[in-house]
Amino acid sequence: MSVSHRRPVPLSKAYRLLNHGPTVLVSAAHEGKRNIMAAAWAMPLDFEPPKIAVVLDKSTWTRQLLEASGTFVLNVPCAAQADIAQTVGSTSGLELTQGQGLDKFQVYGLQTFSGELIDAPMLEGCVAWLECRLLPEPNNHQQYDLFLAEVIAAQADERVFSEGRWHFAGHDALRTLHHVAGGHFLTIGEPVDGKTLQP
């Protein structure tokens, strides 16, 4: 569990939790129903207030819950959670709920905790969490499956993110996942610092 390592992230630095392009797990809840799914297309959009964009297909139940509640969480999983990311990204929460009366969290034993400001579940073991409030843009939702949101609270695992920076050395299992296709992921590599060239 990462509870002892979770620390708030200043909203002015929240964009850095996504700036390196990790796979995210989108969780949402509404009227006692909850779900979680994987999304490979998510990105930061603005600094203050911090905003994000994520693409959610019309067929997903998470999208329906998100649209109904107006809130959601972007959970940033790590290498140790590759099986979880693949599983929640390739199974239907709606089918599980209708067929077994259980959600993905119950069926797969996924532990959650409560966020600071919204009701959507936050997945234990991730390395970052962004609580988001939907910015209604119906045309973008219907035409492009594109959802914009304001980040209203953020947390990260201080072992790999502190003072506004990722630092994964010595924590390979906590490296973020980057989806390629068909259940294949890469993990974030070693840092490289660039220097400005002189003319």
Protein backbone atom coordinates (compact mmCIF):
# COMPACT_ATOMS: atom_id res chain seq x y z
CA MET A 1 0.00 0.00 0.00
CA SER A 2 1.18 3.50 -0.71
CA VAL A 3 -0.78 5.32 1.99
CA SER A 4 2.30 6.30 3.98
CA HIS A 5 3.94 7.69 0.84
CA ARG A 6 1.02 9.74 -0.53
CA ARG A 7 1.55 13.47 -0.42
CA PRO A 8 -0.46 16.38 -1.81
CA VAL A 9 0.90 17.96 -4.97
CA PRO A 10 0.53 21.73 -5.42
CA LEU A 11 -1.91 22.33 -8.24
CA SER A 12 0.69 24.46 -10.01
CA LYS A 13 2.78 21.28 -10.43
CA ALA A 14 -0.10 18.85 -11.14
CA TYR A 15 0.49 18.96 -14.90
CA ARG A 16 3.86 17.28 -14.34
CA LEU A 17 2.10 14.14 -13.14
CA LEU A 18 0.93 13.61 -16.76
CA ASN A 19 3.45 15.54 -18.83
CA HIS A 20 5.52 12.42 -19.56
CA GLY A 21 2.55 10.66 -21.18
CA PRO A 22 1.71 7.72 -18.90
CA THR A 23 -1.21 5.36 -19.28
CA VAL A 24 -3.93 6.38 -16.82
CA LEU A 25 -6.77 4.52 -15.16
CA VAL A 26 -9.95 6.59 -15.18
CA SER A 27 -12.33 5.99 -12.28
CA ALA A 28 -15.78 7.46 -11.82
CA ALA A 29 -18.79 6.97 -9.57
CA HIS A 30 -22.45 7.99 -9.60
CA GLU A 31 -25.41 7.01 -7.41
CA GLY A 32 -23.59 4.10 -5.76
CA LYS A 33 -22.17 2.69 -9.01
CA ARG A 34 -18.45 2.87 -9.78
CA ASN A 35 -16.06 1.77 -12.50
CA ILE A 36 -12.47 2.02 -13.65
CA MET A 37 -10.95 1.77 -17.13
CA ALA A 38 -7.60 2.31 -18.81
CA ALA A 39 -6.94 5.25 -21.11
CA ALA A 40 -3.76 5.76 -23.09
CA TRP A 41 -4.69 9.20 -24.44
CA ALA A 42 -4.54 11.71 -21.62
CA MET A 43 -2.54 14.91 -21.35
CA PRO A 44 -2.17 18.15 -19.42
CA LEU A 45 -3.61 21.29 -21.04
CA ASP A 46 -2.96 24.24 -18.77
CA PHE A 47 -1.10 25.38 -15.66
CA GLU A 48 -3.45 27.55 -13.60
CA PRO A 49 -6.02 26.39 -13.12
CA PRO A 50 -4.60 23.03 -14.17
CA LYS A 51 -6.61 21.29 -16.87
CA ILE A 52 -6.37 17.90 -18.56
CA ALA A 53 -7.78 16.17 -21.63
CA VAL A 54 -8.68 12.48 -21.92
CA VAL A 55 -10.31 10.46 -24.71
CA LEU A 56 -13.13 8.11 -23.62
CA ASP A 57 -15.01 5.97 -26.12
CA LYS A 58 -18.80 6.26 -26.25
CA SER A 59 -19.19 2.58 -25.40
CA THR A 60 -17.55 2.80 -21.96
CA TRP A 61 -19.52 2.72 -18.75
CA THR A 62 -16.92 4.88 -17.01
CA ARG A 63 -17.80 7.61 -19.50
CA GLN A 64 -21.49 7.33 -18.59
CA LEU A 65 -20.70 7.60 -14.87
CA LEU A 66 -18.34 10.50 -15.47
CA GLU A 67 -20.89 12.41 -17.53
CA ALA A 68 -23.58 11.82 -14.91
CA SER A 69 -21.44 12.84 -11.92
CA GLY A 70 -19.35 15.55 -13.55
CA THR A 71 -16.23 14.29 -11.75
CA PHE A 72 -13.58 11.58 -12.15
CA VAL A 73 -10.07 10.57 -11.13
CA LEU A 74 -7.01 9.96 -13.26
CA ASN A 75 -4.99 7.29 -11.44
CA VAL A 76 -1.41 6.90 -12.72
CA PRO A 77 -0.45 3.21 -12.44
CA CYS A 78 3.04 1.81 -12.17
CA ALA A 79 4.95 -1.18 -13.56
CA ALA A 80 3.80 -3.36 -10.65
CA GLN A 81 0.22 -2.76 -11.84
CA ALA A 82 0.62 -3.76 -15.51
CA ASP A 83 -1.79 -6.69 -15.06
CA ILE A 84 -4.35 -4.42 -13.41
CA ALA A 85 -4.06 -1.85 -16.20
CA GLN A 86 -4.51 -4.55 -18.84
CA THR A 87 -7.43 -6.14 -16.98
CA VAL A 88 -9.45 -2.99 -16.29
CA GLY A 89 -8.77 -1.85 -19.83
CA SER A 90 -10.06 -5.03 -21.42
CA THR A 91 -13.09 -5.94 -19.28
CA SER A 92 -16.55 -4.42 -19.04
CA GLY A 93 -17.60 -3.10 -15.66
CA LEU A 94 -21.19 -2.83 -16.83
CA GLU A 95 -21.28 -6.51 -17.84
CA LEU A 96 -19.82 -7.54 -14.47
CA THR A 97 -22.34 -5.43 -12.57
CA GLN A 98 -25.29 -6.67 -14.60
CA GLY A 99 -24.12 -10.30 -14.59
CA GLN A 100 -22.63 -10.76 -11.12
CA GLY A 101 -23.80 -7.71 -9.21
CA LEU A 102 -20.13 -6.87 -8.55
CA ASP A 103 -17.90 -4.14 -9.94
CA LYS A 104 -14.30 -4.39 -11.17
CA PHE A 105 -12.96 -3.33 -7.78
CA GLN A 106 -14.74 -6.25 -6.08
CA VAL A 107 -14.11 -8.86 -8.77
CA TYR A 108 -10.37 -8.15 -9.05
CA GLY A 109 -9.71 -7.23 -5.41
CA LEU A 110 -8.71 -3.65 -6.19
CA GLN A 111 -8.19 -1.57 -3.05
CA THR A 112 -9.28 2.07 -3.09
CA PHE A 113 -9.24 5.13 -0.90
CA SER A 114 -11.30 8.31 -0.81
CA GLY A 115 -10.16 11.49 -2.46
CA GLU A 116 -10.13 14.93 -0.95
CA LEU A 117 -12.91 16.52 -3.00
CA ILE A 118 -14.83 14.02 -5.12
CA ASP A 119 -16.54 10.64 -4.73
CA ALA A 120 -14.79 8.65 -7.47
CA PRO A 121 -12.61 5.86 -6.05
CA MET A 122 -8.85 6.28 -6.07
CA LEU A 123 -6.81 3.12 -6.72
CA GLU A 124 -4.22 2.11 -4.13
CA GLY A 125 -0.73 1.35 -5.37
CA CYS A 126 -0.64 3.98 -8.10
CA VAL A 127 2.04 6.67 -8.11
CA ALA A 128 -0.22 9.68 -8.75
CA TRP A 129 -3.88 10.67 -8.53
CA LEU A 130 -5.63 13.67 -10.07
CA GLU A 131 -9.16 14.52 -8.94
CA CYS A 132 -10.94 16.19 -11.84
CA ARG A 133 -14.11 18.23 -12.41
CA LEU A 134 -15.55 17.90 -15.91
CA LEU A 135 -15.68 21.00 -18.10
CA PRO A 136 -18.84 20.41 -20.16
CA GLU A 137 -18.12 20.60 -23.87
CA PRO A 138 -20.93 18.52 -25.44
CA ASN A 139 -19.68 18.94 -29.00
CA ASN A 140 -16.19 17.67 -28.09
CA HIS A 141 -17.73 14.75 -26.16
CA GLN A 142 -19.98 13.62 -29.01
CA GLN A 143 -17.84 14.50 -32.01
CA TYR A 144 -14.37 13.55 -30.74
CA ASP A 145 -14.87 11.55 -27.49
CA LEU A 146 -12.68 14.25 -25.93
CA PHE A 147 -13.21 15.29 -22.33
CA LEU A 148 -11.66 18.34 -20.70
CA ALA A 149 -11.48 18.79 -16.96
CA GLU A 150 -10.01 20.99 -14.27
CA VAL A 151 -7.73 19.27 -11.77
CA ILE A 152 -9.04 20.25 -8.34
CA ALA A 153 -6.75 18.09 -6.16
CA ALA A 154 -3.65 15.99 -6.77
CA GLN A 155 -1.48 13.55 -4.85
CA ALA A 156 1.64 11.55 -5.66
CA ASP A 157 3.85 8.89 -4.14
CA GLU A 158 6.72 10.86 -2.62
CA ARG A 159 9.15 8.00 -3.25
CA VAL A 160 9.04 8.81 -6.98
CA PHE A 161 7.57 12.34 -7.18
CA SER A 162 8.55 15.25 -4.97
CA GLU A 163 9.36 18.93 -5.33
CA GLY A 164 7.57 18.89 -8.68
CA ARG A 165 9.78 16.20 -10.24
CA TRP A 166 9.68 12.49 -11.04
CA HIS A 167 12.67 10.48 -9.77
CA PHE A 168 12.39 6.72 -10.29
CA ALA A 169 15.96 5.58 -9.52
CA GLY A 170 15.87 2.64 -7.13
CA HIS A 171 12.11 2.15 -7.60
CA ASP A 172 11.72 0.16 -10.83
CA ALA A 173 8.37 -1.34 -9.78
CA LEU A 174 7.02 2.21 -9.40
CA ARG A 175 7.99 3.39 -12.89
CA THR A 176 5.00 4.61 -14.88
CA LEU A 177 3.44 2.57 -17.69
CA HIS A 178 3.18 3.72 -21.30
CA HIS A 179 0.80 1.71 -23.49
CA VAL A 180 2.00 0.78 -26.96
CA ALA A 181 -0.81 -1.52 -28.20
CA GLY A 182 -2.39 -4.91 -27.63
CA GLY A 183 -1.52 -5.18 -23.95
CA HIS A 184 2.10 -4.14 -24.44
CA PHE A 185 3.54 -1.44 -22.22
CA LEU A 186 6.85 0.34 -21.87
CA THR A 187 8.04 1.79 -18.58
CA ILE A 188 9.53 5.23 -18.18
CA GLY A 189 13.31 5.16 -18.55
CA GLU A 190 16.19 7.07 -17.05
CA PRO A 191 16.20 10.88 -16.97
CA VAL A 192 18.24 12.90 -19.44
CA ASP A 193 18.79 16.61 -18.89
CA GLY A 194 18.99 18.83 -21.94
CA LYS A 195 21.03 22.03 -22.13
CA THR A 196 20.27 25.06 -24.26
CA LEU A 197 22.71 25.32 -27.17
CA GLN A 198 24.58 28.57 -27.62
CA PRO A 199 24.18 30.23 -31.05
